[in-house]
Amino acid sequence: MATLKVKICASTLVETIISIVILIICMGIATVVVHNIFRADRLNEQFFAFVLAKNELKLIDEAPTYSDEITVKDKYLIERSFSRYKKNELLISVEVRILHAHDNALIYSIKKVLVNYNKWEI
């Protein structure tokens, strides 16, 4: 059987506490990094929902069809709703909501007031 030629001294209590503190600091830094990665993923999803909502508002501006709709794009539901703004027939309030398709959780919502030049019925 092999024997050790170098003797290893036992650690003191202070050395053990210092090593534990260093390990705790490293674990804390790793936790912050992982949290930031997951947070960035959620922010990317919210940014994508923001872009979808802005594109939907642009489509409404280009071709004003004032009817409530729900459409599906990728894994998102795009919900458009129209109503009169403060009971004024010339102003229309538009709300575009972006939801998850599988659980209907709201990701992003945007509202805009449009001028109804043609006095179309809502």
PDB file of N, CA and C in Angstrom:
ATOM      1  N   MET A   1       0.837  -1.163   0.000  1.00  0.00           N
ATOM      2  CA  MET A   1       0.000   0.000   0.000  1.00  0.00           C
ATOM      3  C   MET A   1       0.891   1.238   0.000  1.00  0.00           C
ATOM      4  N   ALA A   2       0.423   2.262  -0.741  1.00  0.00           N
ATOM      5  CA  ALA A   2       1.212   3.484  -0.865  1.00  0.00           C
ATOM      6  C   ALA A   2       1.061   4.334   0.376  1.00  0.00           C
ATOM      7  N   THR A   3       2.110   5.020   0.699  1.00  0.00           N
ATOM      8  CA  THR A   3       2.078   5.913   1.847  1.00  0.00           C
ATOM      9  C   THR A   3       2.371   7.336   1.391  1.00  0.00           C
ATOM     10  N   LEU A   4       1.850   8.281   2.103  1.00  0.00           N
ATOM     11  CA  LEU A   4       2.095   9.675   1.794  1.00  0.00           C
ATOM     12  C   LEU A   4       3.426  10.100   2.389  1.00  0.00           C
ATOM     13  N   LYS A   5       4.225  10.756   1.567  1.00  0.00           N
ATOM     14  CA  LYS A   5       5.497  11.243   2.071  1.00  0.00           C
ATOM     15  C   LYS A   5       5.384  12.678   2.564  1.00  0.00           C
ATOM     16  N   VAL A   6       4.328  13.373   2.074  1.00  0.00           N
ATOM     17  CA  VAL A   6       4.132  14.745   2.505  1.00  0.00           C
ATOM     18  C   VAL A   6       3.015  14.745   3.531  1.00  0.00           C
ATOM     19  N   LYS A   7       3.288  15.336   4.645  1.00  0.00           N
ATOM     20  CA  LYS A   7       2.265  15.406   5.674  1.00  0.00           C
ATOM     21  C   LYS A   7       1.394  16.635   5.429  1.00  0.00           C
ATOM     22  N   ILE A   8       0.057  16.478   5.503  1.00  0.00           N
ATOM     23  CA  ILE A   8      -0.893  17.569   5.331  1.00  0.00           C
ATOM     24  C   ILE A   8      -1.325  18.030   6.708  1.00  0.00           C
ATOM     25  N   CYS A   9      -1.137  19.319   6.938  1.00  0.00           N
ATOM     26  CA  CYS A   9      -1.512  19.860   8.240  1.00  0.00           C
ATOM     27  C   CYS A   9      -3.015  20.077   8.280  1.00  0.00           C
ATOM     28  N   ALA A  10      -3.597  19.945   9.407  1.00  0.00           N
ATOM     29  CA  ALA A  10      -5.024  20.170   9.582  1.00  0.00           C
ATOM     30  C   ALA A  10      -5.319  21.663   9.486  1.00  0.00           C
ATOM     31  N   SER A  11      -6.495  21.981   8.934  1.00  0.00           N
ATOM     32  CA  SER A  11      -6.892  23.373   8.800  1.00  0.00           C
ATOM     33  C   SER A  11      -7.376  23.912  10.130  1.00  0.00           C
ATOM     34  N   THR A  12      -7.109  25.191  10.317  1.00  0.00           N
ATOM     35  CA  THR A  12      -7.605  25.816  11.534  1.00  0.00           C
ATOM     36  C   THR A  12      -9.038  26.281  11.283  1.00  0.00           C
ATOM     37  N   LEU A  13      -9.696  26.662  12.322  1.00  0.00           N
ATOM     38  CA  LEU A  13     -11.073  27.126  12.218  1.00  0.00           C
ATOM     39  C   LEU A  13     -11.157  28.396  11.372  1.00  0.00           C
ATOM     40  N   VAL A  14     -10.197  29.288  11.463  1.00  0.00           N
ATOM     41  CA  VAL A  14     -10.200  30.533  10.704  1.00  0.00           C
ATOM     42  C   VAL A  14     -10.067  30.228   9.210  1.00  0.00           C
ATOM     43  N   GLU A  15      -9.193  29.328   8.835  1.00  0.00           N
ATOM     44  CA  GLU A  15      -9.035  28.960   7.427  1.00  0.00           C
ATOM     45  C   GLU A  15     -10.320  28.343   6.877  1.00  0.00           C
ATOM     46  N   THR A  16     -10.979  27.533   7.654  1.00  0.00           N
ATOM     47  CA  THR A  16     -12.229  26.914   7.227  1.00  0.00           C
ATOM     48  C   THR A  16     -13.318  27.976   7.024  1.00  0.00           C
ATOM     49  N   ILE A  17     -13.433  28.913   7.933  1.00  0.00           N
ATOM     50  CA  ILE A  17     -14.436  29.971   7.809  1.00  0.00           C
ATOM     51  C   ILE A  17     -14.149  30.836   6.585  1.00  0.00           C
ATOM     52  N   ILE A  18     -12.890  31.159   6.342  1.00  0.00           N
ATOM     53  CA  ILE A  18     -12.527  31.961   5.171  1.00  0.00           C
ATOM     54  C   ILE A  18     -12.879  31.221   3.886  1.00  0.00           C
ATOM     55  N   SER A  19     -12.600  29.932   3.825  1.00  0.00           N
ATOM     56  CA  SER A  19     -12.928  29.168   2.613  1.00  0.00           C
ATOM     57  C   SER A  19     -14.441  29.077   2.408  1.00  0.00           C
ATOM     58  N   ILE A  20     -15.207  28.944   3.475  1.00  0.00           N
ATOM     59  CA  ILE A  20     -16.671  28.908   3.362  1.00  0.00           C
ATOM     60  C   ILE A  20     -17.192  30.253   2.871  1.00  0.00           C
ATOM     61  N   VAL A  21     -16.649  31.351   3.368  1.00  0.00           N
ATOM     62  CA  VAL A  21     -17.067  32.682   2.928  1.00  0.00           C
ATOM     63  C   VAL A  21     -16.760  32.863   1.442  1.00  0.00           C
ATOM     64  N   ILE A  22     -15.601  32.426   1.000  1.00  0.00           N
ATOM     65  CA  ILE A  22     -15.245  32.517  -0.426  1.00  0.00           C
ATOM     66  C   ILE A  22     -16.216  31.689  -1.267  1.00  0.00           C
ATOM     67  N   LEU A  23     -16.563  30.498  -0.817  1.00  0.00           N
ATOM     68  CA  LEU A  23     -17.534  29.667  -1.533  1.00  0.00           C
ATOM     69  C   LEU A  23     -18.911  30.336  -1.577  1.00  0.00           C
ATOM     70  N   ILE A  24     -19.341  30.948  -0.492  1.00  0.00           N
ATOM     71  CA  ILE A  24     -20.645  31.626  -0.463  1.00  0.00           C
ATOM     72  C   ILE A  24     -20.644  32.812  -1.430  1.00  0.00           C
ATOM     73  N   ILE A  25     -19.561  33.565  -1.482  1.00  0.00           N
ATOM     74  CA  ILE A  25     -19.474  34.695  -2.415  1.00  0.00           C
ATOM     75  C   ILE A  25     -19.542  34.208  -3.865  1.00  0.00           C
ATOM     76  N   CYS A  26     -18.828  33.121  -4.162  1.00  0.00           N
ATOM     77  CA  CYS A  26     -18.866  32.553  -5.520  1.00  0.00           C
ATOM     78  C   CYS A  26     -20.271  32.070  -5.874  1.00  0.00           C
ATOM     79  N   MET A  27     -20.952  31.420  -4.951  1.00  0.00           N
ATOM     80  CA  MET A  27     -22.317  30.958  -5.207  1.00  0.00           C
ATOM     81  C   MET A  27     -23.265  32.145  -5.397  1.00  0.00           C
ATOM     82  N   GLY A  28     -23.069  33.223  -4.640  1.00  0.00           N
ATOM     83  CA  GLY A  28     -23.895  34.414  -4.805  1.00  0.00           C
ATOM     84  C   GLY A  28     -23.699  35.039  -6.179  1.00  0.00           C
ATOM     85  N   ILE A  29     -22.463  35.127  -6.629  1.00  0.00           N
ATOM     86  CA  ILE A  29     -22.191  35.677  -7.965  1.00  0.00           C
ATOM     87  C   ILE A  29     -22.827  34.793  -9.036  1.00  0.00           C
ATOM     88  N   ALA A  30     -22.724  33.486  -8.889  1.00  0.00           N
ATOM     89  CA  ALA A  30     -23.326  32.566  -9.861  1.00  0.00           C
ATOM     90  C   ALA A  30     -24.850  32.718  -9.875  1.00  0.00           C
ATOM     91  N   THR A  31     -25.461  32.894  -8.724  1.00  0.00           N
ATOM     92  CA  THR A  31     -26.910  33.075  -8.651  1.00  0.00           C
ATOM     93  C   THR A  31     -27.339  34.357  -9.360  1.00  0.00           C
ATOM     94  N   VAL A  32     -26.585  35.439  -9.170  1.00  0.00           N
ATOM     95  CA  VAL A  32     -26.905  36.706  -9.834  1.00  0.00           C
ATOM     96  C   VAL A  32     -26.779  36.561 -11.347  1.00  0.00           C
ATOM     97  N   VAL A  33     -25.755  35.866 -11.809  1.00  0.00           N
ATOM     98  CA  VAL A  33     -25.573  35.671 -13.253  1.00  0.00           C
ATOM     99  C   VAL A  33     -26.730  34.871 -13.841  1.00  0.00           C
ATOM    100  N   VAL A  34     -27.129  33.791 -13.191  1.00  0.00           N
ATOM    101  CA  VAL A  34     -28.237  32.972 -13.693  1.00  0.00           C
ATOM    102  C   VAL A  34     -29.539  33.774 -13.671  1.00  0.00           C
ATOM    103  N   HIS A  35     -29.762  34.555 -12.638  1.00  0.00           N
ATOM    104  CA  HIS A  35     -30.964  35.393 -12.555  1.00  0.00           C
ATOM    105  C   HIS A  35     -31.002  36.392 -13.711  1.00  0.00           C
ATOM    106  N   ASN A  36     -29.873  37.012 -14.015  1.00  0.00           N
ATOM    107  CA  ASN A  36     -29.823  37.973 -15.122  1.00  0.00           C
ATOM    108  C   ASN A  36     -30.074  37.307 -16.468  1.00  0.00           C
ATOM    109  N   ILE A  37     -29.640  36.081 -16.620  1.00  0.00           N
ATOM    110  CA  ILE A  37     -29.901  35.356 -17.878  1.00  0.00           C
ATOM    111  C   ILE A  37     -31.398  35.117 -18.037  1.00  0.00           C
ATOM    112  N   PHE A  38     -32.073  34.664 -16.983  1.00  0.00           N
ATOM    113  CA  PHE A  38     -33.514  34.420 -17.073  1.00  0.00           C
ATOM    114  C   PHE A  38     -34.286  35.727 -17.236  1.00  0.00           C
ATOM    115  N   ARG A  39     -33.832  36.786 -16.591  1.00  0.00           N
ATOM    116  CA  ARG A  39     -34.482  38.082 -16.719  1.00  0.00           C
ATOM    117  C   ARG A  39     -34.340  38.620 -18.137  1.00  0.00           C
ATOM    118  N   ALA A  40     -33.183  38.442 -18.731  1.00  0.00           N
ATOM    119  CA  ALA A  40     -32.964  38.900 -20.104  1.00  0.00           C
ATOM    120  C   ALA A  40     -33.875  38.150 -21.069  1.00  0.00           C
ATOM    121  N   ASP A  41     -34.122  36.871 -20.819  1.00  0.00           N
ATOM    122  CA  ASP A  41     -35.026  36.100 -21.666  1.00  0.00           C
ATOM    123  C   ASP A  41     -36.439  36.651 -21.587  1.00  0.00           C
ATOM    124  N   ARG A  42     -36.880  37.009 -20.385  1.00  0.00           N
ATOM    125  CA  ARG A  42     -38.217  37.580 -20.213  1.00  0.00           C
ATOM    126  C   ARG A  42     -38.309  38.960 -20.870  1.00  0.00           C
ATOM    127  N   LEU A  43     -37.247  39.753 -20.774  1.00  0.00           N
ATOM    128  CA  LEU A  43     -37.239  41.063 -21.412  1.00  0.00           C
ATOM    129  C   LEU A  43     -37.273  40.935 -22.930  1.00  0.00           C
ATOM    130  N   ASN A  44     -36.595  39.932 -23.475  1.00  0.00           N
ATOM    131  CA  ASN A  44     -36.660  39.701 -24.916  1.00  0.00           C
ATOM    132  C   ASN A  44     -38.080  39.375 -25.356  1.00  0.00           C
ATOM    133  N   GLU A  45     -38.777  38.589 -24.548  1.00  0.00           N
ATOM    134  CA  GLU A  45     -40.158  38.246 -24.869  1.00  0.00           C
ATOM    135  C   GLU A  45     -41.051  39.491 -24.824  1.00  0.00           C
ATOM    136  N   GLN A  46     -40.847  40.347 -23.832  1.00  0.00           N
ATOM    137  CA  GLN A  46     -41.632  41.570 -23.743  1.00  0.00           C
ATOM    138  C   GLN A  46     -41.309  42.511 -24.900  1.00  0.00           C
ATOM    139  N   PHE A  47     -40.056  42.560 -25.320  1.00  0.00           N
ATOM    140  CA  PHE A  47     -39.698  43.405 -26.455  1.00  0.00           C
ATOM    141  C   PHE A  47     -40.348  42.885 -27.735  1.00  0.00           C
ATOM    142  N   PHE A  48     -40.354  41.564 -27.924  1.00  0.00           N
ATOM    143  CA  PHE A  48     -41.005  40.989 -29.097  1.00  0.00           C
ATOM    144  C   PHE A  48     -42.500  41.296 -29.086  1.00  0.00           C
ATOM    145  N   ALA A  49     -43.132  41.228 -27.916  1.00  0.00           N
ATOM    146  CA  ALA A  49     -44.554  41.560 -27.800  1.00  0.00           C
ATOM    147  C   ALA A  49     -44.780  43.042 -28.102  1.00  0.00           C
ATOM    148  N   PHE A  50     -43.866  43.901 -27.655  1.00  0.00           N
ATOM    149  CA  PHE A  50     -43.959  45.330 -27.958  1.00  0.00           C
ATOM    150  C   PHE A  50     -43.911  45.566 -29.464  1.00  0.00           C
ATOM    151  N   VAL A  51     -42.997  44.882 -30.149  1.00  0.00           N
ATOM    152  CA  VAL A  51     -42.883  45.031 -31.609  1.00  0.00           C
ATOM    153  C   VAL A  51     -44.147  44.530 -32.295  1.00  0.00           C
ATOM    154  N   LEU A  52     -44.700  43.411 -31.836  1.00  0.00           N
ATOM    155  CA  LEU A  52     -45.957  42.902 -32.401  1.00  0.00           C
ATOM    156  C   LEU A  52     -47.089  43.916 -32.227  1.00  0.00           C
ATOM    157  N   ALA A  53     -47.188  44.517 -31.056  1.00  0.00           N
ATOM    158  CA  ALA A  53     -48.252  45.489 -30.793  1.00  0.00           C
ATOM    159  C   ALA A  53     -48.087  46.728 -31.669  1.00  0.00           C
ATOM    160  N   LYS A  54     -46.863  47.216 -31.815  1.00  0.00           N
ATOM    161  CA  LYS A  54     -46.624  48.386 -32.667  1.00  0.00           C
ATOM    162  C   LYS A  54     -46.963  48.083 -34.126  1.00  0.00           C
ATOM    163  N   ASN A  55     -46.602  46.891 -34.591  1.00  0.00           N
ATOM    164  CA  ASN A  55     -46.944  46.504 -35.970  1.00  0.00           C
ATOM    165  C   ASN A  55     -48.449  46.417 -36.157  1.00  0.00           C
ATOM    166  N   GLU A  56     -49.148  45.931 -35.160  1.00  0.00           N
ATOM    167  CA  GLU A  56     -50.610  45.833 -35.239  1.00  0.00           C
ATOM    168  C   GLU A  56     -51.235  47.228 -35.298  1.00  0.00           C
ATOM    169  N   LEU A  57     -50.701  48.162 -34.509  1.00  0.00           N
ATOM    170  CA  LEU A  57     -51.204  49.540 -34.573  1.00  0.00           C
ATOM    171  C   LEU A  57     -50.926  50.173 -35.931  1.00  0.00           C
ATOM    172  N   LYS A  58     -49.787  49.850 -36.511  1.00  0.00           N
ATOM    173  CA  LYS A  58     -49.466  50.371 -37.843  1.00  0.00           C
ATOM    174  C   LYS A  58     -50.438  49.812 -38.879  1.00  0.00           C
ATOM    175  N   LEU A  59     -50.781  48.528 -38.761  1.00  0.00           N
ATOM    176  CA  LEU A  59     -51.763  47.928 -39.675  1.00  0.00           C
ATOM    177  C   LEU A  59     -53.136  48.587 -39.516  1.00  0.00           C
ATOM    178  N   ILE A  60     -53.505  48.900 -38.292  1.00  0.00           N
ATOM    179  CA  ILE A  60     -54.792  49.556 -38.055  1.00  0.00           C
ATOM    180  C   ILE A  60     -54.793  50.956 -38.667  1.00  0.00           C
ATOM    181  N   ASP A  61     -53.673  51.670 -38.558  1.00  0.00           N
ATOM    182  CA  ASP A  61     -53.577  53.006 -39.152  1.00  0.00           C
ATOM    183  C   ASP A  61     -53.659  52.960 -40.669  1.00  0.00           C
ATOM    184  N   GLU A  62     -53.027  51.939 -41.275  1.00  0.00           N
ATOM    185  CA  GLU A  62     -53.000  51.847 -42.738  1.00  0.00           C
ATOM    186  C   GLU A  62     -54.345  51.414 -43.311  1.00  0.00           C
ATOM    187  N   ALA A  63     -54.977  50.460 -42.687  1.00  0.00           N
ATOM    188  CA  ALA A  63     -56.269  49.952 -43.178  1.00  0.00           C
ATOM    189  C   ALA A  63     -57.248  49.952 -42.017  1.00  0.00           C
ATOM    190  N   PRO A  64     -57.931  51.057 -41.793  1.00  0.00           N
ATOM    191  CA  PRO A  64     -58.788  51.161 -40.603  1.00  0.00           C
ATOM    192  C   PRO A  64     -60.053  50.314 -40.709  1.00  0.00           C
ATOM    193  N   THR A  65     -59.974  49.115 -40.201  1.00  0.00           N
ATOM    194  CA  THR A  65     -61.172  48.282 -40.044  1.00  0.00           C
ATOM    195  C   THR A  65     -61.409  48.162 -38.545  1.00  0.00           C
ATOM    196  N   TYR A  66     -62.443  48.806 -38.082  1.00  0.00           N
ATOM    197  CA  TYR A  66     -62.665  48.913 -36.650  1.00  0.00           C
ATOM    198  C   TYR A  66     -63.546  47.773 -36.155  1.00  0.00           C
ATOM    199  N   SER A  67     -62.992  46.580 -36.142  1.00  0.00           N
ATOM    200  CA  SER A  67     -63.722  45.434 -35.604  1.00  0.00           C
ATOM    201  C   SER A  67     -62.805  44.689 -34.640  1.00  0.00           C
ATOM    202  N   ASP A  68     -63.385  44.251 -33.556  1.00  0.00           N
ATOM    203  CA  ASP A  68     -62.612  43.505 -32.568  1.00  0.00           C
ATOM    204  C   ASP A  68     -62.163  42.181 -33.167  1.00  0.00           C
ATOM    205  N   GLU A  69     -60.899  41.838 -32.951  1.00  0.00           N
ATOM    206  CA  GLU A  69     -60.349  40.607 -33.518  1.00  0.00           C
ATOM    207  C   GLU A  69     -59.383  39.968 -32.546  1.00  0.00           C
ATOM    208  N   ILE A  70     -59.247  38.670 -32.695  1.00  0.00           N
ATOM    209  CA  ILE A  70     -58.199  37.927 -32.007  1.00  0.00           C
ATOM    210  C   ILE A  70     -57.494  37.090 -33.067  1.00  0.00           C
ATOM    211  N   THR A  71     -56.201  37.303 -33.216  1.00  0.00           N
ATOM    212  CA  THR A  71     -55.414  36.538 -34.181  1.00  0.00           C
ATOM    213  C   THR A  71     -54.275  35.845 -33.446  1.00  0.00           C
ATOM    214  N   VAL A  72     -53.758  34.802 -34.067  1.00  0.00           N
ATOM    215  CA  VAL A  72     -52.660  34.037 -33.482  1.00  0.00           C
ATOM    216  C   VAL A  72     -51.433  34.209 -34.368  1.00  0.00           C
ATOM    217  N   LYS A  73     -50.316  34.550 -33.742  1.00  0.00           N
ATOM    218  CA  LYS A  73     -49.052  34.640 -34.463  1.00  0.00           C
ATOM    219  C   LYS A  73     -47.993  33.975 -33.604  1.00  0.00           C
ATOM    220  N   ASP A  74     -47.341  32.970 -34.179  1.00  0.00           N
ATOM    221  CA  ASP A  74     -46.364  32.151 -33.458  1.00  0.00           C
ATOM    222  C   ASP A  74     -47.014  31.595 -32.194  1.00  0.00           C
ATOM    223  N   LYS A  75     -46.499  31.956 -31.026  1.00  0.00           N
ATOM    224  CA  LYS A  75     -47.071  31.461 -29.769  1.00  0.00           C
ATOM    225  C   LYS A  75     -47.822  32.557 -29.014  1.00  0.00           C
ATOM    226  N   TYR A  76     -48.270  33.580 -29.739  1.00  0.00           N
ATOM    227  CA  TYR A  76     -48.932  34.717 -29.118  1.00  0.00           C
ATOM    228  C   TYR A  76     -50.328  34.937 -29.679  1.00  0.00           C
ATOM    229  N   LEU A  77     -51.233  35.413 -28.826  1.00  0.00           N
ATOM    230  CA  LEU A  77     -52.547  35.875 -29.250  1.00  0.00           C
ATOM    231  C   LEU A  77     -52.491  37.394 -29.340  1.00  0.00           C
ATOM    232  N   ILE A  78     -52.966  37.941 -30.444  1.00  0.00           N
ATOM    233  CA  ILE A  78     -53.029  39.391 -30.612  1.00  0.00           C
ATOM    234  C   ILE A  78     -54.499  39.772 -30.556  1.00  0.00           C
ATOM    235  N   GLU A  79     -54.869  40.521 -29.542  1.00  0.00           N
ATOM    236  CA  GLU A  79     -56.264  40.884 -29.313  1.00  0.00           C
ATOM    237  C   GLU A  79     -56.426  42.385 -29.564  1.00  0.00           C
ATOM    238  N   ARG A  80     -57.302  42.728 -30.514  1.00  0.00           N
ATOM    239  CA  ARG A  80     -57.600  44.133 -30.822  1.00  0.00           C
ATOM    240  C   ARG A  80     -59.006  44.441 -30.346  1.00  0.00           C
ATOM    241  N   SER A  81     -59.166  45.552 -29.652  1.00  0.00           N
ATOM    242  CA  SER A  81     -60.504  45.965 -29.236  1.00  0.00           C
ATOM    243  C   SER A  81     -60.662  47.466 -29.476  1.00  0.00           C
ATOM    244  N   PHE A  82     -61.861  47.842 -29.911  1.00  0.00           N
ATOM    245  CA  PHE A  82     -62.169  49.229 -30.254  1.00  0.00           C
ATOM    246  C   PHE A  82     -63.358  49.698 -29.429  1.00  0.00           C
ATOM    247  N   SER A  83     -63.343  50.970 -29.066  1.00  0.00           N
ATOM    248  CA  SER A  83     -64.478  51.578 -28.380  1.00  0.00           C
ATOM    249  C   SER A  83     -64.434  53.086 -28.624  1.00  0.00           C
ATOM    250  N   ARG A  84     -65.555  53.723 -28.371  1.00  0.00           N
ATOM    251  CA  ARG A  84     -65.590  55.181 -28.509  1.00  0.00           C
ATOM    252  C   ARG A  84     -64.785  55.799 -27.369  1.00  0.00           C
ATOM    253  N   TYR A  85     -64.085  56.854 -27.697  1.00  0.00           N
ATOM    254  CA  TYR A  85     -63.293  57.540 -26.684  1.00  0.00           C
ATOM    255  C   TYR A  85     -64.139  58.637 -26.047  1.00  0.00           C
ATOM    256  N   LYS A  86     -64.475  58.466 -24.800  1.00  0.00           N
ATOM    257  CA  LYS A  86     -65.284  59.422 -24.036  1.00  0.00           C
ATOM    258  C   LYS A  86     -66.567  59.811 -24.766  1.00  0.00           C
ATOM    259  N   LYS A  87     -67.228  58.814 -25.346  1.00  0.00           N
ATOM    260  CA  LYS A  87     -68.522  58.979 -26.027  1.00  0.00           C
ATOM    261  C   LYS A  87     -68.479  59.980 -27.179  1.00  0.00           C
ATOM    262  N   ASN A  88     -67.318  60.131 -27.790  1.00  0.00           N
ATOM    263  CA  ASN A  88     -67.155  61.031 -28.927  1.00  0.00           C
ATOM    264  C   ASN A  88     -67.148  60.186 -30.192  1.00  0.00           C
ATOM    265  N   GLU A  89     -68.016  60.504 -31.153  1.00  0.00           N
ATOM    266  CA  GLU A  89     -68.118  59.671 -32.352  1.00  0.00           C
ATOM    267  C   GLU A  89     -66.939  59.847 -33.311  1.00  0.00           C
ATOM    268  N   LEU A  90     -66.151  60.884 -33.135  1.00  0.00           N
ATOM    269  CA  LEU A  90     -65.004  61.100 -34.016  1.00  0.00           C
ATOM    270  C   LEU A  90     -63.713  60.483 -33.481  1.00  0.00           C
ATOM    271  N   LEU A  91     -63.714  60.072 -32.241  1.00  0.00           N
ATOM    272  CA  LEU A  91     -62.508  59.506 -31.634  1.00  0.00           C
ATOM    273  C   LEU A  91     -62.741  58.043 -31.273  1.00  0.00           C
ATOM    274  N   ILE A  92     -61.751  57.228 -31.592  1.00  0.00           N
ATOM    275  CA  ILE A  92     -61.837  55.795 -31.319  1.00  0.00           C
ATOM    276  C   ILE A  92     -60.643  55.392 -30.457  1.00  0.00           C
ATOM    277  N   SER A  93     -60.921  54.689 -29.395  1.00  0.00           N
ATOM    278  CA  SER A  93     -59.875  54.156 -28.537  1.00  0.00           C
ATOM    279  C   SER A  93     -59.562  52.728 -28.987  1.00  0.00           C
ATOM    280  N   VAL A  94     -58.297  52.479 -29.253  1.00  0.00           N
ATOM    281  CA  VAL A  94     -57.841  51.161 -29.701  1.00  0.00           C
ATOM    282  C   VAL A  94     -56.961  50.577 -28.610  1.00  0.00           C
ATOM    283  N   GLU A  95     -57.212  49.331 -28.266  1.00  0.00           N
ATOM    284  CA  GLU A  95     -56.333  48.629 -27.334  1.00  0.00           C
ATOM    285  C   GLU A  95     -55.844  47.350 -28.002  1.00  0.00           C
ATOM    286  N   VAL A  96     -54.533  47.195 -28.024  1.00  0.00           N
ATOM    287  CA  VAL A  96     -53.917  45.978 -28.565  1.00  0.00           C
ATOM    288  C   VAL A  96     -53.258  45.276 -27.390  1.00  0.00           C
ATOM    289  N   ARG A  97     -53.637  44.011 -27.200  1.00  0.00           N
ATOM    290  CA  ARG A  97     -53.092  43.210 -26.103  1.00  0.00           C
ATOM    291  C   ARG A  97     -52.389  41.999 -26.690  1.00  0.00           C
ATOM    292  N   ILE A  98     -51.203  41.707 -26.192  1.00  0.00           N
ATOM    293  CA  ILE A  98     -50.450  40.529 -26.609  1.00  0.00           C
ATOM    294  C   ILE A  98     -50.472  39.549 -25.439  1.00  0.00           C
ATOM    295  N   LEU A  99     -50.961  38.336 -25.715  1.00  0.00           N
ATOM    296  CA  LEU A  99     -51.115  37.307 -24.682  1.00  0.00           C
ATOM    297  C   LEU A  99     -50.384  36.042 -25.102  1.00  0.00           C
ATOM    298  N   HIS A 100     -50.025  35.223 -24.122  1.00  0.00           N
ATOM    299  CA  HIS A 100     -49.510  33.889 -24.425  1.00  0.00           C
ATOM    300  C   HIS A 100     -50.647  33.040 -24.974  1.00  0.00           C
ATOM    301  N   ALA A 101     -50.374  32.257 -25.995  1.00  0.00           N
ATOM    302  CA  ALA A 101     -51.432  31.444 -26.603  1.00  0.00           C
ATOM    303  C   ALA A 101     -51.843  30.282 -25.703  1.00  0.00           C
ATOM    304  N   HIS A 102     -50.926  29.750 -24.913  1.00  0.00           N
ATOM    305  CA  HIS A 102     -51.271  28.556 -24.137  1.00  0.00           C
ATOM    306  C   HIS A 102     -51.970  28.857 -22.813  1.00  0.00           C
ATOM    307  N   ASP A 103     -51.702  30.003 -22.191  1.00  0.00           N
ATOM    308  CA  ASP A 103     -52.347  30.265 -20.900  1.00  0.00           C
ATOM    309  C   ASP A 103     -53.004  31.645 -20.801  1.00  0.00           C
ATOM    310  N   ASN A 104     -53.060  32.392 -21.901  1.00  0.00           N
ATOM    311  CA  ASN A 104     -53.686  33.715 -21.957  1.00  0.00           C
ATOM    312  C   ASN A 104     -53.104  34.707 -20.950  1.00  0.00           C
ATOM    313  N   ALA A 105     -51.848  34.543 -20.591  1.00  0.00           N
ATOM    314  CA  ALA A 105     -51.190  35.488 -19.688  1.00  0.00           C
ATOM    315  C   ALA A 105     -50.791  36.736 -20.482  1.00  0.00           C
ATOM    316  N   LEU A 106     -51.109  37.890 -19.926  1.00  0.00           N
ATOM    317  CA  LEU A 106     -50.827  39.156 -20.598  1.00  0.00           C
ATOM    318  C   LEU A 106     -49.331  39.434 -20.584  1.00  0.00           C
ATOM    319  N   ILE A 107     -48.779  39.737 -21.775  1.00  0.00           N
ATOM    320  CA  ILE A 107     -47.373  40.093 -21.879  1.00  0.00           C
ATOM    321  C   ILE A 107     -47.226  41.598 -22.062  1.00  0.00           C
ATOM    322  N   TYR A 108     -48.042  42.172 -22.960  1.00  0.00           N
ATOM    323  CA  TYR A 108     -47.913  43.591 -23.269  1.00  0.00           C
ATOM    324  C   TYR A 108     -49.267  44.126 -23.707  1.00  0.00           C
ATOM    325  N   SER A 109     -49.544  45.371 -23.343  1.00  0.00           N
ATOM    326  CA  SER A 109     -50.787  46.019 -23.735  1.00  0.00           C
ATOM    327  C   SER A 109     -50.475  47.464 -24.103  1.00  0.00           C
ATOM    328  N   ILE A 110     -51.124  47.959 -25.163  1.00  0.00           N
ATOM    329  CA  ILE A 110     -50.903  49.331 -25.597  1.00  0.00           C
ATOM    330  C   ILE A 110     -52.241  49.925 -26.018  1.00  0.00           C
ATOM    331  N   LYS A 111     -52.446  51.211 -25.710  1.00  0.00           N
ATOM    332  CA  LYS A 111     -53.680  51.903 -26.075  1.00  0.00           C
ATOM    333  C   LYS A 111     -53.327  53.105 -26.936  1.00  0.00           C
ATOM    334  N   LYS A 112     -54.240  53.430 -27.860  1.00  0.00           N
ATOM    335  CA  LYS A 112     -54.048  54.581 -28.733  1.00  0.00           C
ATOM    336  C   LYS A 112     -55.410  55.143 -29.092  1.00  0.00           C
ATOM    337  N   VAL A 113     -55.473  56.450 -29.281  1.00  0.00           N
ATOM    338  CA  VAL A 113     -56.714  57.097 -29.695  1.00  0.00           C
ATOM    339  C   VAL A 113     -56.561  57.512 -31.153  1.00  0.00           C
ATOM    340  N   LEU A 114     -57.533  57.099 -31.983  1.00  0.00           N
ATOM    341  CA  LEU A 114     -57.518  57.412 -33.409  1.00  0.00           C
ATOM    342  C   LEU A 114     -58.658  58.362 -33.744  1.00  0.00           C
ATOM    343  N   VAL A 115     -58.466  59.126 -34.795  1.00  0.00           N
ATOM    344  CA  VAL A 115     -59.525  60.006 -35.291  1.00  0.00           C
ATOM    345  C   VAL A 115     -60.284  59.256 -36.362  1.00  0.00           C
ATOM    346  N   ASN A 116     -61.598  59.179 -36.230  1.00  0.00           N
ATOM    347  CA  ASN A 116     -62.454  58.477 -37.173  1.00  0.00           C
ATOM    348  C   ASN A 116     -63.001  59.496 -38.178  1.00  0.00           C
ATOM    349  N   TYR A 117     -62.244  59.720 -39.253  1.00  0.00           N
ATOM    350  CA  TYR A 117     -62.636  60.721 -40.245  1.00  0.00           C
ATOM    351  C   TYR A 117     -63.913  60.329 -40.994  1.00  0.00           C
ATOM    352  N   ASN A 118     -64.123  59.046 -41.208  1.00  0.00           N
ATOM    353  CA  ASN A 118     -65.258  58.582 -42.002  1.00  0.00           C
ATOM    354  C   ASN A 118     -66.521  58.375 -41.162  1.00  0.00           C
ATOM    355  N   LYS A 119     -66.422  58.565 -39.879  1.00  0.00           N
ATOM    356  CA  LYS A 119     -67.542  58.349 -38.956  1.00  0.00           C
ATOM    357  C   LYS A 119     -68.121  56.943 -39.113  1.00  0.00           C
ATOM    358  N   TRP A 120     -67.232  55.977 -39.246  1.00  0.00           N
ATOM    359  CA  TRP A 120     -67.698  54.592 -39.345  1.00  0.00           C
ATOM    360  C   TRP A 120     -68.250  54.150 -38.011  1.00  0.00           C
ATOM    361  N   GLU A 121     -69.195  53.263 -38.075  1.00  0.00           N
ATOM    362  CA  GLU A 121     -69.766  52.723 -36.845  1.00  0.00           C
ATOM    363  C   GLU A 121     -68.807  51.701 -36.254  1.00  0.00           C
ATOM    364  N   ILE A 122     -68.823  51.665 -34.954  1.00  0.00           N
ATOM    365  CA  ILE A 122     -67.975  50.693 -34.265  1.00  0.00           C
ATOM    366  C   ILE A 122     -68.856  49.581 -33.743  1.00  0.00           C
TER     367      ILE A 122
END
